[in-house]
Structure formats: C-alpha cells, structure tokens
Amino acid sequence: MDVASDRVNWIQSSRLRLLKEMQERRALGELSKKEAQRDVAASAVQNASRELAMIQQHCSRKEAALYQ
C-alpha cells in the first residue's frame, strides 16, 4: 500500500507543479501585458506634454504679436 500511496503522492505533486507553472506563466503574461499598456500610456503622456508645450509657445507668440 505504501508504494501505491507514494505513486499517488508523486502524481499529485506533479500535477500541482504543473498547475503552479501554468499559473506563473499566466501571471507573467498578464504582467507583460500591463507593462506594455503602461509604456503606451507613458508615451501618450509624453506626446501630449510636448504638444501642450508647443501650443503654449504658439499662443505666447501670437499674444506677443498682438501687443507689438
């Protein structure tokens, strides 16, 4: 009976390891996806910031031209 229970334990351990590996892979995939989304969002913020700075400069030049 000991041999049979050892085999069952080994099979259960093997299944648990496989499940853990699958969960880790899924979590890493989700993390990678979130990091990519963060990078895209950071890039969008940088672009918006640059555009805002250019628009502010343009407005300042136009305002200065009004008073000359």
PDB file of N, CA and C in Angstrom:
ATOM      1  N   MET A   1       0.822  -1.194   0.000  1.00  0.00           N
ATOM      2  CA  MET A   1       0.000   0.000   0.000  1.00  0.00           C
ATOM      3  C   MET A   1       0.862   1.252   0.000  1.00  0.00           C
ATOM      4  N   ASP A   2       2.022   1.173   0.634  1.00  0.00           N
ATOM      5  CA  ASP A   2       2.911   2.325   0.671  1.00  0.00           C
ATOM      6  C   ASP A   2       3.340   2.754  -0.723  1.00  0.00           C
ATOM      7  N   VAL A   3       3.617   1.786  -1.569  1.00  0.00           N
ATOM      8  CA  VAL A   3       4.050   2.082  -2.931  1.00  0.00           C
ATOM      9  C   VAL A   3       2.943   2.797  -3.688  1.00  0.00           C
ATOM     10  N   ALA A   4       1.725   2.333  -3.519  1.00  0.00           N
ATOM     11  CA  ALA A   4       0.589   2.958  -4.209  1.00  0.00           C
ATOM     12  C   ALA A   4       0.388   4.388  -3.725  1.00  0.00           C
ATOM     13  N   SER A   5       0.463   4.603  -2.430  1.00  0.00           N
ATOM     14  CA  SER A   5       0.268   5.965  -1.918  1.00  0.00           C
ATOM     15  C   SER A   5       1.417   6.873  -2.332  1.00  0.00           C
ATOM     16  N   ASP A   6       2.636   6.323  -2.401  1.00  0.00           N
ATOM     17  CA  ASP A   6       3.770   7.121  -2.881  1.00  0.00           C
ATOM     18  C   ASP A   6       3.549   7.552  -4.320  1.00  0.00           C
ATOM     19  N   ARG A   7       3.021   6.629  -5.122  1.00  0.00           N
ATOM     20  CA  ARG A   7       2.772   6.951  -6.525  1.00  0.00           C
ATOM     21  C   ARG A   7       1.686   8.024  -6.636  1.00  0.00           C
ATOM     22  N   VAL A   8       0.626   7.899  -5.836  1.00  0.00           N
ATOM     23  CA  VAL A   8      -0.446   8.894  -5.837  1.00  0.00           C
ATOM     24  C   VAL A   8       0.122  10.245  -5.413  1.00  0.00           C
ATOM     25  N   ASN A   9       0.930  10.253  -4.373  1.00  0.00           N
ATOM     26  CA  ASN A   9       1.547  11.498  -3.918  1.00  0.00           C
ATOM     27  C   ASN A   9       2.420  12.106  -5.008  1.00  0.00           C
ATOM     28  N   TRP A  10       3.174  11.249  -5.709  1.00  0.00           N
ATOM     29  CA  TRP A  10       4.032  11.739  -6.778  1.00  0.00           C
ATOM     30  C   TRP A  10       3.191  12.348  -7.895  1.00  0.00           C
ATOM     31  N   ILE A  11       2.098  11.681  -8.258  1.00  0.00           N
ATOM     32  CA  ILE A  11       1.210  12.189  -9.313  1.00  0.00           C
ATOM     33  C   ILE A  11       0.585  13.508  -8.882  1.00  0.00           C
ATOM     34  N   GLN A  12       0.126  13.574  -7.630  1.00  0.00           N
ATOM     35  CA  GLN A  12      -0.463  14.815  -7.132  1.00  0.00           C
ATOM     36  C   GLN A  12       0.572  15.938  -7.123  1.00  0.00           C
ATOM     37  N   SER A  13       1.771  15.631  -6.688  1.00  0.00           N
ATOM     38  CA  SER A  13       2.843  16.630  -6.670  1.00  0.00           C
ATOM     39  C   SER A  13       3.149  17.116  -8.079  1.00  0.00           C
ATOM     40  N   SER A  14       3.189  16.172  -9.001  1.00  0.00           N
ATOM     41  CA  SER A  14       3.462  16.523 -10.391  1.00  0.00           C
ATOM     42  C   SER A  14       2.372  17.433 -10.942  1.00  0.00           C
ATOM     43  N   ARG A  15       1.125  17.099 -10.651  1.00  0.00           N
ATOM     44  CA  ARG A  15       0.004  17.930 -11.115  1.00  0.00           C
ATOM     45  C   ARG A  15       0.052  19.313 -10.485  1.00  0.00           C
ATOM     46  N   LEU A  16       0.367  19.360  -9.204  1.00  0.00           N
ATOM     47  CA  LEU A  16       0.452  20.655  -8.521  1.00  0.00           C
ATOM     48  C   LEU A  16       1.576  21.516  -9.103  1.00  0.00           C
ATOM     49  N   ARG A  17       2.715  20.888  -9.407  1.00  0.00           N
ATOM     50  CA  ARG A  17       3.819  21.629 -10.033  1.00  0.00           C
ATOM     51  C   ARG A  17       3.396  22.176 -11.391  1.00  0.00           C
ATOM     52  N   LEU A  18       2.718  21.339 -12.171  1.00  0.00           N
ATOM     53  CA  LEU A  18       2.248  21.766 -13.486  1.00  0.00           C
ATOM     54  C   LEU A  18       1.263  22.922 -13.349  1.00  0.00           C
ATOM     55  N   LEU A  19       0.337  22.815 -12.409  1.00  0.00           N
ATOM     56  CA  LEU A  19      -0.635  23.881 -12.177  1.00  0.00           C
ATOM     57  C   LEU A  19       0.068  25.173 -11.768  1.00  0.00           C
ATOM     58  N   LYS A  20       1.041  25.048 -10.879  1.00  0.00           N
ATOM     59  CA  LYS A  20       1.796  26.221 -10.429  1.00  0.00           C
ATOM     60  C   LYS A  20       2.532  26.872 -11.600  1.00  0.00           C
ATOM     61  N   GLU A  21       3.166  26.065 -12.436  1.00  0.00           N
ATOM     62  CA  GLU A  21       3.875  26.600 -13.602  1.00  0.00           C
ATOM     63  C   GLU A  21       2.917  27.310 -14.555  1.00  0.00           C
ATOM     64  N   MET A  22       1.743  26.720 -14.754  1.00  0.00           N
ATOM     65  CA  MET A  22       0.752  27.343 -15.640  1.00  0.00           C
ATOM     66  C   MET A  22       0.288  28.678 -15.060  1.00  0.00           C
ATOM     67  N   GLN A  23       0.058  28.715 -13.758  1.00  0.00           N
ATOM     68  CA  GLN A  23      -0.363  29.958 -13.109  1.00  0.00           C
ATOM     69  C   GLN A  23       0.729  31.018 -13.210  1.00  0.00           C
ATOM     70  N   GLU A  24       1.983  30.611 -13.024  1.00  0.00           N
ATOM     71  CA  GLU A  24       3.102  31.548 -13.130  1.00  0.00           C
ATOM     72  C   GLU A  24       3.212  32.099 -14.547  1.00  0.00           C
ATOM     73  N   ARG A  25       3.075  31.224 -15.540  1.00  0.00           N
ATOM     74  CA  ARG A  25       3.143  31.685 -16.937  1.00  0.00           C
ATOM     75  C   ARG A  25       2.021  32.665 -17.239  1.00  0.00           C
ATOM     76  N   ARG A  26       0.828  32.362 -16.755  1.00  0.00           N
ATOM     77  CA  ARG A  26      -0.322  33.245 -16.964  1.00  0.00           C
ATOM     78  C   ARG A  26      -0.076  34.595 -16.279  1.00  0.00           C
ATOM     79  N   ALA A  27       0.436  34.559 -15.067  1.00  0.00           N
ATOM     80  CA  ALA A  27       0.708  35.795 -14.328  1.00  0.00           C
ATOM     81  C   ALA A  27       1.788  36.614 -15.029  1.00  0.00           C
ATOM     82  N   LEU A  28       2.821  35.945 -15.532  1.00  0.00           N
ATOM     83  CA  LEU A  28       3.876  36.663 -16.254  1.00  0.00           C
ATOM     84  C   LEU A  28       3.338  37.279 -17.539  1.00  0.00           C
ATOM     85  N   GLY A  29       2.462  36.563 -18.213  1.00  0.00           N
ATOM     86  CA  GLY A  29       1.841  37.105 -19.423  1.00  0.00           C
ATOM     87  C   GLY A  29       1.007  38.330 -19.118  1.00  0.00           C
ATOM     88  N   GLU A  30       0.235  38.264 -18.034  1.00  0.00           N
ATOM     89  CA  GLU A  30      -0.582  39.411 -17.639  1.00  0.00           C
ATOM     90  C   GLU A  30       0.297  40.588 -17.245  1.00  0.00           C
ATOM     91  N   LEU A  31       1.381  40.304 -16.522  1.00  0.00           N
ATOM     92  CA  LEU A  31       2.306  41.364 -16.126  1.00  0.00           C
ATOM     93  C   LEU A  31       2.928  42.020 -17.353  1.00  0.00           C
ATOM     94  N   SER A  32       3.331  41.209 -18.307  1.00  0.00           N
ATOM     95  CA  SER A  32       3.917  41.733 -19.537  1.00  0.00           C
ATOM     96  C   SER A  32       2.926  42.621 -20.279  1.00  0.00           C
ATOM     97  N   LYS A  33       1.682  42.185 -20.335  1.00  0.00           N
ATOM     98  CA  LYS A  33       0.639  42.969 -21.000  1.00  0.00           C
ATOM     99  C   LYS A  33       0.433  44.301 -20.286  1.00  0.00           C
ATOM    100  N   LYS A  34       0.384  44.268 -18.959  1.00  0.00           N
ATOM    101  CA  LYS A  34       0.203  45.502 -18.181  1.00  0.00           C
ATOM    102  C   LYS A  34       1.394  46.443 -18.363  1.00  0.00           C
ATOM    103  N   GLU A  35       2.605  45.889 -18.414  1.00  0.00           N
ATOM    104  CA  GLU A  35       3.790  46.724 -18.623  1.00  0.00           C
ATOM    105  C   GLU A  35       3.742  47.384 -19.995  1.00  0.00           C
ATOM    106  N   ALA A  36       3.295  46.645 -20.996  1.00  0.00           N
ATOM    107  CA  ALA A  36       3.173  47.217 -22.342  1.00  0.00           C
ATOM    108  C   ALA A  36       2.134  48.331 -22.352  1.00  0.00           C
ATOM    109  N   GLN A  37       1.013  48.121 -21.663  1.00  0.00           N
ATOM    110  CA  GLN A  37      -0.012  49.162 -21.578  1.00  0.00           C
ATOM    111  C   GLN A  37       0.532  50.396 -20.866  1.00  0.00           C
ATOM    112  N   ARG A  38       1.313  50.183 -19.819  1.00  0.00           N
ATOM    113  CA  ARG A  38       1.915  51.301 -19.090  1.00  0.00           C
ATOM    114  C   ARG A  38       2.868  52.074 -19.996  1.00  0.00           C
ATOM    115  N   ASP A  39       3.664  51.353 -20.772  1.00  0.00           N
ATOM    116  CA  ASP A  39       4.601  52.010 -21.684  1.00  0.00           C
ATOM    117  C   ASP A  39       3.860  52.842 -22.728  1.00  0.00           C
ATOM    118  N   VAL A  40       2.777  52.306 -23.263  1.00  0.00           N
ATOM    119  CA  VAL A  40       1.979  53.042 -24.247  1.00  0.00           C
ATOM    120  C   VAL A  40       1.384  54.288 -23.602  1.00  0.00           C
ATOM    121  N   ALA A  41       0.871  54.142 -22.385  1.00  0.00           N
ATOM    122  CA  ALA A  41       0.279  55.287 -21.686  1.00  0.00           C
ATOM    123  C   ALA A  41       1.335  56.346 -21.385  1.00  0.00           C
ATOM    124  N   ALA A  42       2.521  55.933 -20.966  1.00  0.00           N
ATOM    125  CA  ALA A  42       3.595  56.884 -20.673  1.00  0.00           C
ATOM    126  C   ALA A  42       4.003  57.630 -21.939  1.00  0.00           C
ATOM    127  N   SER A  43       4.063  56.923 -23.044  1.00  0.00           N
ATOM    128  CA  SER A  43       4.395  57.555 -24.319  1.00  0.00           C
ATOM    129  C   SER A  43       3.324  58.564 -24.716  1.00  0.00           C
ATOM    130  N   ALA A  44       2.070  58.212 -24.506  1.00  0.00           N
ATOM    131  CA  ALA A  44       0.970  59.128 -24.827  1.00  0.00           C
ATOM    132  C   ALA A  44       1.046  60.382 -23.970  1.00  0.00           C
ATOM    133  N   VAL A  45       1.393  60.222 -22.705  1.00  0.00           N
ATOM    134  CA  VAL A  45       1.528  61.379 -21.812  1.00  0.00           C
ATOM    135  C   VAL A  45       2.675  62.273 -22.277  1.00  0.00           C
ATOM    136  N   GLN A  46       3.788  61.678 -22.663  1.00  0.00           N
ATOM    137  CA  GLN A  46       4.923  62.468 -23.157  1.00  0.00           C
ATOM    138  C   GLN A  46       4.538  63.231 -24.418  1.00  0.00           C
ATOM    139  N   ASN A  47       3.860  62.569 -25.334  1.00  0.00           N
ATOM    140  CA  ASN A  47       3.437  63.233 -26.570  1.00  0.00           C
ATOM    141  C   ASN A  47       2.476  64.375 -26.272  1.00  0.00           C
ATOM    142  N   ALA A  48       1.535  64.144 -25.379  1.00  0.00           N
ATOM    143  CA  ALA A  48       0.576  65.190 -25.020  1.00  0.00           C
ATOM    144  C   ALA A  48       1.283  66.364 -24.360  1.00  0.00           C
ATOM    145  N   SER A  49       2.256  66.072 -23.535  1.00  0.00           N
ATOM    146  CA  SER A  49       3.017  67.127 -22.859  1.00  0.00           C
ATOM    147  C   SER A  49       3.788  67.969 -23.874  1.00  0.00           C
ATOM    148  N   ARG A  50       4.405  67.308 -24.850  1.00  0.00           N
ATOM    149  CA  ARG A  50       5.136  68.040 -25.904  1.00  0.00           C
ATOM    150  C   ARG A  50       4.182  68.899 -26.720  1.00  0.00           C
ATOM    151  N   GLU A  51       3.048  68.334 -27.076  1.00  0.00           N
ATOM    152  CA  GLU A  51       2.061  69.094 -27.851  1.00  0.00           C
ATOM    153  C   GLU A  51       1.567  70.303 -27.067  1.00  0.00           C
ATOM    154  N   LEU A  52       1.318  70.121 -25.791  1.00  0.00           N
ATOM    155  CA  LEU A  52       0.868  71.228 -24.949  1.00  0.00           C
ATOM    156  C   LEU A  52       1.923  72.322 -24.891  1.00  0.00           C
ATOM    157  N   ALA A  53       3.179  71.946 -24.739  1.00  0.00           N
ATOM    158  CA  ALA A  53       4.260  72.935 -24.698  1.00  0.00           C
ATOM    159  C   ALA A  53       4.330  73.704 -26.018  1.00  0.00           C
ATOM    160  N   MET A  54       4.184  72.994 -27.136  1.00  0.00           N
ATOM    161  CA  MET A  54       4.227  73.674 -28.440  1.00  0.00           C
ATOM    162  C   MET A  54       3.042  74.624 -28.594  1.00  0.00           C
ATOM    163  N   ILE A  55       1.884  74.203 -28.158  1.00  0.00           N
ATOM    164  CA  ILE A  55       0.689  75.052 -28.258  1.00  0.00           C
ATOM    165  C   ILE A  55       0.837  76.280 -27.367  1.00  0.00           C
ATOM    166  N   GLN A  56       1.387  76.087 -26.172  1.00  0.00           N
ATOM    167  CA  GLN A  56       1.594  77.226 -25.276  1.00  0.00           C
ATOM    168  C   GLN A  56       2.578  78.224 -25.884  1.00  0.00           C
ATOM    169  N   GLN A  57       3.636  77.723 -26.505  1.00  0.00           N
ATOM    170  CA  GLN A  57       4.593  78.621 -27.174  1.00  0.00           C
ATOM    171  C   GLN A  57       3.906  79.371 -28.306  1.00  0.00           C
ATOM    172  N   HIS A  58       3.135  78.673 -29.080  1.00  0.00           N
ATOM    173  CA  HIS A  58       2.421  79.288 -30.199  1.00  0.00           C
ATOM    174  C   HIS A  58       1.492  80.392 -29.689  1.00  0.00           C
ATOM    175  N   CYS A  59       0.748  80.098 -28.630  1.00  0.00           N
ATOM    176  CA  CYS A  59      -0.162  81.097 -28.053  1.00  0.00           C
ATOM    177  C   CYS A  59       0.617  82.293 -27.524  1.00  0.00           C
ATOM    178  N   SER A  60       1.743  82.037 -26.885  1.00  0.00           N
ATOM    179  CA  SER A  60       2.565  83.135 -26.358  1.00  0.00           C
ATOM    180  C   SER A  60       3.064  84.021 -27.489  1.00  0.00           C
ATOM    181  N   ARG A  61       3.505  83.422 -28.595  1.00  0.00           N
ATOM    182  CA  ARG A  61       3.982  84.216 -29.740  1.00  0.00           C
ATOM    183  C   ARG A  61       2.843  85.040 -30.330  1.00  0.00           C
ATOM    184  N   LYS A  62       1.685  84.428 -30.460  1.00  0.00           N
ATOM    185  CA  LYS A  62       0.533  85.156 -31.009  1.00  0.00           C
ATOM    186  C   LYS A  62       0.126  86.298 -30.079  1.00  0.00           C
ATOM    187  N   GLU A  63       0.155  86.045 -28.785  1.00  0.00           N
ATOM    188  CA  GLU A  63      -0.204  87.087 -27.823  1.00  0.00           C
ATOM    189  C   GLU A  63       0.815  88.223 -27.868  1.00  0.00           C
ATOM    190  N   ALA A  64       2.092  87.883 -27.965  1.00  0.00           N
ATOM    191  CA  ALA A  64       3.135  88.913 -28.053  1.00  0.00           C
ATOM    192  C   ALA A  64       2.974  89.715 -29.336  1.00  0.00           C
ATOM    193  N   ALA A  65       2.602  89.058 -30.418  1.00  0.00           N
ATOM    194  CA  ALA A  65       2.418  89.753 -31.695  1.00  0.00           C
ATOM    195  C   ALA A  65       1.247  90.729 -31.612  1.00  0.00           C
ATOM    196  N   LEU A  66       0.249  90.420 -30.820  1.00  0.00           N
ATOM    197  CA  LEU A  66      -0.896  91.319 -30.670  1.00  0.00           C
ATOM    198  C   LEU A  66      -0.490  92.647 -30.035  1.00  0.00           C
ATOM    199  N   TYR A  67       0.463  92.614 -29.144  1.00  0.00           N
ATOM    200  CA  TYR A  67       0.848  93.815 -28.408  1.00  0.00           C
ATOM    201  C   TYR A  67       1.973  94.587 -29.080  1.00  0.00           C
ATOM    202  N   GLN A  68       2.454  94.118 -30.196  1.00  0.00           N
ATOM    203  CA  GLN A  68       3.532  94.849 -30.881  1.00  0.00           C
ATOM    204  C   GLN A  68       2.977  95.784 -31.922  1.00  0.00           C
TER     205      GLN A  68
END
